[in-house]
Amino acid sequence: MLKHISPLISPELLKCLAQMGHGDTIVIGDCNYPATSTCNKCVRADGVKATDLVAAILEILPLDVDEPGAPVTLMGSTDHPDMRPEIWDEFEKIVLEKEPKATFDSTDRFGFYVKAKDAFVSVQTSEEKYFGCIILRKGVWFTK
């Protein structure tokens, strides 16, 4: 066990986060997300909600807020493009608490899958809320 690192972050996931570089992305997928088939590397987080894992990850992962484009992408419905999934409010609250400069983008399920293909790692959670999938783009960290 390490100090100040959430037990929700497995050793395998911690290694992936440490290996990620500036601009790399991580997908946090819900229980229905095809994590293995949409990314070259899949890490499981069984029994963990996506919102809880995002909060834990953002304690140690800087977001890419100083580059063009939103560092956060949310998955929306393909069949109901005007629907705003309930979990988006939770994701946005968590992200903005950790990184107030963060901006958000959204795309339908198939657009999300396309973006996920380029992710450094995809994490399969046990999140059961509709569209509980999010992509985070890693930023840089400097010690002044």
Foldseek 3Di string as FASTA:
>chain_A
DDPPADPLQDPVNVVLLVPDDAFAKEKEDEQPDPFVVLEVAEAEREPDALLVVLLRSLSPFAFALPDPDFQKEFEDAPVCVVDDFPCVVSNVVSVCVSPVSGDYHYDYPVVVSVVSNRHSYYYYYHHDGPRSMMMGGGHDDDDD
